[in-house]
Each structure stands twice: as structure tokens, then as C-alpha cells.
Amino acid sequence: MAAIFEPVERIDKVQLDGLALLKIVKHCHESLPQMVTGSLLGLANETGVLEVTHAFPFPDSADATPSNDEAGQDFQLEMMRMLREVNVDNNCVGWYQSMYLGSYSTSSFLENQLSSIVWT
């Protein structure tokens, strides 16, 4: 039986592009006090550096229903397809989440992580 996950090289350093950082800060700042999440896109190279070159926000999940969850997943897939068409790195290398008053883990954030792992 084949392994589910391929072994990856050790990541020693993360390089975050300035534009990606500004997009994250803008998204989090404009949504306060609501917590928001998004996807980090980029590449890992052979020298142990993870390059985060782009970020995009996940849709607002205030009404958590199964149909909205599916719409959110469809949005993410469509966004990654469109980014690939314009030659933007479209490999999901992580996620970001805003934090307000110490709350750092939400069910929608964990569901997004799980669904991303299941897609691969």
C-alpha cells in the first residue's frame, strides 16, 4: 500500500513576500473584530526554504451550513485555478488566521485545513 503523504524535505526557513504579508494584514485589519482565515501559496525549494509568494482570504463563514462549506471549498479550488492561469504560484503551503482576544482556533479553520488535506 502506498503512503498517503510523500516525505518532504526539512524546512529551515520561511521567506514571506512583502505583498503576501500586506494582503494578510489588510484582510485581518478590515475584518476586526471578526476572526478571518486565508490560504498561503508558494513553493518549497531544495535548500530548505519555504517561499510564501501569495495569499488570499477564505470567504466569510458566518453562516456555517453544509452548503456554505461546499461553496467555500469550491471558491478555494476556483481561486487556485485562476491563479494558475496567470502564472501565480498556486501550491498551498499553509494557512493564516487572525486572532482576537486570545481565541486562536475555530472549527471553520480546522475544517478548511482538513478539506485541503483531503483534496491532495
C-alpha atoms as a PDB file:
ATOM      1  CA  MET A   1       0.000   0.000   0.000  1.00  0.00           C
ATOM      2  CA  ALA A   2       1.402   3.406  -0.977  1.00  0.00           C
ATOM      3  CA  ALA A   3       1.987   6.071   1.636  1.00  0.00           C
ATOM      4  CA  ILE A   4      -0.673   8.761   1.829  1.00  0.00           C
ATOM      5  CA  PHE A   5       1.841  11.571   2.250  1.00  0.00           C
ATOM      6  CA  GLU A   6       5.155  11.818   0.490  1.00  0.00           C
ATOM      7  CA  PRO A   7       8.113  12.640   2.721  1.00  0.00           C
ATOM      8  CA  VAL A   8       9.143  16.271   2.440  1.00  0.00           C
ATOM      9  CA  GLU A   9      12.481  17.897   2.961  1.00  0.00           C
ATOM     10  CA  ARG A  10      13.042  19.704   6.216  1.00  0.00           C
ATOM     11  CA  ILE A  11      12.038  23.376   6.131  1.00  0.00           C
ATOM     12  CA  ASP A  12      14.650  25.511   7.896  1.00  0.00           C
ATOM     13  CA  LYS A  13      13.454  28.961   6.906  1.00  0.00           C
ATOM     14  CA  VAL A  14      10.251  30.668   5.728  1.00  0.00           C
ATOM     15  CA  GLN A  15      10.521  33.588   3.325  1.00  0.00           C
ATOM     16  CA  LEU A  16       7.342  35.700   3.225  1.00  0.00           C
ATOM     17  CA  ASP A  17       6.891  38.007   0.236  1.00  0.00           C
ATOM     18  CA  GLY A  18       6.027  41.604   1.168  1.00  0.00           C
ATOM     19  CA  LEU A  19       2.879  41.680  -0.972  1.00  0.00           C
ATOM     20  CA  ALA A  20       1.592  38.483   0.653  1.00  0.00           C
ATOM     21  CA  LEU A  21       2.199  39.994   4.097  1.00  0.00           C
ATOM     22  CA  LEU A  22       0.359  43.193   3.174  1.00  0.00           C
ATOM     23  CA  LYS A  23      -2.631  41.189   1.877  1.00  0.00           C
ATOM     24  CA  ILE A  24      -2.798  39.255   5.154  1.00  0.00           C
ATOM     25  CA  VAL A  25      -2.560  42.399   7.290  1.00  0.00           C
ATOM     26  CA  LYS A  26      -5.199  44.199   5.196  1.00  0.00           C
ATOM     27  CA  HIS A  27      -7.620  41.267   5.355  1.00  0.00           C
ATOM     28  CA  CYS A  28      -7.240  40.866   9.117  1.00  0.00           C
ATOM     29  CA  HIS A  29      -7.420  44.600   9.844  1.00  0.00           C
ATOM     30  CA  GLU A  30     -10.547  45.207   7.740  1.00  0.00           C
ATOM     31  CA  SER A  31     -12.397  42.318   9.392  1.00  0.00           C
ATOM     32  CA  LEU A  32     -11.813  43.173  13.059  1.00  0.00           C
ATOM     33  CA  PRO A  33     -13.194  42.027  15.483  1.00  0.00           C
ATOM     34  CA  GLN A  34     -14.289  39.035  13.389  1.00  0.00           C
ATOM     35  CA  MET A  35     -11.700  36.273  13.009  1.00  0.00           C
ATOM     36  CA  VAL A  36     -10.741  35.505   9.420  1.00  0.00           C
ATOM     37  CA  THR A  37      -8.632  32.890   7.664  1.00  0.00           C
ATOM     38  CA  GLY A  38      -6.880  32.544   4.356  1.00  0.00           C
ATOM     39  CA  SER A  39      -4.520  30.466   2.291  1.00  0.00           C
ATOM     40  CA  LEU A  40      -0.770  30.882   1.827  1.00  0.00           C
ATOM     41  CA  LEU A  41       0.575  29.930  -1.589  1.00  0.00           C
ATOM     42  CA  GLY A  42       4.145  29.386  -2.677  1.00  0.00           C
ATOM     43  CA  LEU A  43       6.902  26.822  -3.119  1.00  0.00           C
ATOM     44  CA  ALA A  44       9.416  24.901  -1.048  1.00  0.00           C
ATOM     45  CA  ASN A  45      12.837  24.707  -2.637  1.00  0.00           C
ATOM     46  CA  GLU A  46      15.676  22.213  -2.256  1.00  0.00           C
ATOM     47  CA  THR A  47      17.675  24.430   0.115  1.00  0.00           C
ATOM     48  CA  GLY A  48      15.127  24.146   2.924  1.00  0.00           C
ATOM     49  CA  VAL A  49      13.438  27.499   2.274  1.00  0.00           C
ATOM     50  CA  LEU A  50       9.653  27.752   2.094  1.00  0.00           C
ATOM     51  CA  GLU A  51       8.758  30.745  -0.077  1.00  0.00           C
ATOM     52  CA  VAL A  52       5.302  32.234   0.549  1.00  0.00           C
ATOM     53  CA  THR A  53       4.604  34.318  -2.552  1.00  0.00           C
ATOM     54  CA  HIS A  54       0.858  34.925  -2.439  1.00  0.00           C
ATOM     55  CA  ALA A  55      -2.072  34.892  -0.003  1.00  0.00           C
ATOM     56  CA  PHE A  56      -5.813  35.037  -0.498  1.00  0.00           C
ATOM     57  CA  PRO A  57      -8.681  35.195   2.018  1.00  0.00           C
ATOM     58  CA  PHE A  58     -11.257  32.492   2.532  1.00  0.00           C
ATOM     59  CA  PRO A  59     -14.900  33.595   2.184  1.00  0.00           C
ATOM     60  CA  ASP A  60     -16.675  34.745   5.334  1.00  0.00           C
ATOM     61  CA  SER A  61     -18.137  31.703   7.064  1.00  0.00           C
ATOM     62  CA  ALA A  62     -20.502  33.480   9.470  1.00  0.00           C
ATOM     63  CA  ASP A  63     -23.376  31.196   8.435  1.00  0.00           C
ATOM     64  CA  ALA A  64     -21.823  27.770   8.880  1.00  0.00           C
ATOM     65  CA  THR A  65     -24.078  25.447   6.898  1.00  0.00           C
ATOM     66  CA  PRO A  66     -23.079  22.454   4.783  1.00  0.00           C
ATOM     67  CA  SER A  67     -23.931  24.312   1.562  1.00  0.00           C
ATOM     68  CA  ASN A  68     -21.744  27.276   2.611  1.00  0.00           C
ATOM     69  CA  ASP A  69     -18.885  24.905   3.465  1.00  0.00           C
ATOM     70  CA  GLU A  70     -19.097  23.386  -0.012  1.00  0.00           C
ATOM     71  CA  ALA A  71     -19.246  26.856  -1.561  1.00  0.00           C
ATOM     72  CA  GLY A  72     -16.119  27.817   0.389  1.00  0.00           C
ATOM     73  CA  GLN A  73     -14.271  24.750  -0.879  1.00  0.00           C
ATOM     74  CA  ASP A  74     -15.395  25.465  -4.439  1.00  0.00           C
ATOM     75  CA  PHE A  75     -14.214  29.066  -4.051  1.00  0.00           C
ATOM     76  CA  GLN A  76     -10.760  27.936  -2.952  1.00  0.00           C
ATOM     77  CA  LEU A  77     -10.376  25.496  -5.830  1.00  0.00           C
ATOM     78  CA  GLU A  78     -11.591  28.050  -8.373  1.00  0.00           C
ATOM     79  CA  MET A  79      -9.270  30.727  -6.968  1.00  0.00           C
ATOM     80  CA  MET A  80      -6.282  28.389  -7.239  1.00  0.00           C
ATOM     81  CA  ARG A  81      -7.246  27.522 -10.830  1.00  0.00           C
ATOM     82  CA  MET A  82      -7.461  31.206 -11.766  1.00  0.00           C
ATOM     83  CA  LEU A  83      -4.117  31.967 -10.119  1.00  0.00           C
ATOM     84  CA  ARG A  84      -2.516  29.115 -12.063  1.00  0.00           C
ATOM     85  CA  GLU A  85      -3.844  30.629 -15.310  1.00  0.00           C
ATOM     86  CA  VAL A  86      -1.996  33.897 -14.625  1.00  0.00           C
ATOM     87  CA  ASN A  87       1.224  32.112 -13.558  1.00  0.00           C
ATOM     88  CA  VAL A  88       0.967  32.773  -9.815  1.00  0.00           C
ATOM     89  CA  ASP A  89       2.283  30.037  -7.531  1.00  0.00           C
ATOM     90  CA  ASN A  90      -0.807  28.004  -6.710  1.00  0.00           C
ATOM     91  CA  ASN A  91       0.624  25.434  -4.325  1.00  0.00           C
ATOM     92  CA  CYS A  92      -0.994  25.690  -0.906  1.00  0.00           C
ATOM     93  CA  VAL A  93       1.857  25.818   1.621  1.00  0.00           C
ATOM     94  CA  GLY A  94      -0.148  26.898   4.656  1.00  0.00           C
ATOM     95  CA  TRP A  95      -2.923  28.967   6.153  1.00  0.00           C
ATOM     96  CA  TYR A  96      -3.218  32.141   8.157  1.00  0.00           C
ATOM     97  CA  GLN A  97      -5.759  33.141  10.763  1.00  0.00           C
ATOM     98  CA  SER A  98      -6.406  36.383  12.578  1.00  0.00           C
ATOM     99  CA  MET A  99      -6.754  36.357  16.328  1.00  0.00           C
ATOM    100  CA  TYR A 100      -8.908  38.466  18.618  1.00  0.00           C
ATOM    101  CA  LEU A 101      -8.655  38.458  22.413  1.00  0.00           C
ATOM    102  CA  GLY A 102      -6.767  35.168  22.601  1.00  0.00           C
ATOM    103  CA  SER A 103      -9.118  32.998  20.513  1.00  0.00           C
ATOM    104  CA  TYR A 104      -6.900  31.171  18.064  1.00  0.00           C
ATOM    105  CA  SER A 105      -8.649  28.027  16.878  1.00  0.00           C
ATOM    106  CA  THR A 106     -12.063  27.823  15.270  1.00  0.00           C
ATOM    107  CA  SER A 107     -13.975  24.917  13.807  1.00  0.00           C
ATOM    108  CA  SER A 108     -14.130  26.570  10.363  1.00  0.00           C
ATOM    109  CA  PHE A 109     -10.334  26.996  10.303  1.00  0.00           C
ATOM    110  CA  LEU A 110      -9.817  23.335  11.204  1.00  0.00           C
ATOM    111  CA  GLU A 111     -12.402  22.271   8.602  1.00  0.00           C
ATOM    112  CA  ASN A 112     -10.529  24.269   5.934  1.00  0.00           C
ATOM    113  CA  GLN A 113      -7.287  22.536   6.891  1.00  0.00           C
ATOM    114  CA  LEU A 114      -8.898  19.104   6.812  1.00  0.00           C
ATOM    115  CA  SER A 115     -10.589  19.682   3.467  1.00  0.00           C
ATOM    116  CA  SER A 116      -7.315  20.905   1.970  1.00  0.00           C
ATOM    117  CA  ILE A 117      -5.528  17.764   3.116  1.00  0.00           C
ATOM    118  CA  VAL A 118      -8.308  15.553   1.748  1.00  0.00           C
ATOM    119  CA  TRP A 119      -8.087  17.260  -1.702  1.00  0.00           C
ATOM    120  CA  THR A 120      -4.434  16.290  -2.186  1.00  0.00           C
END
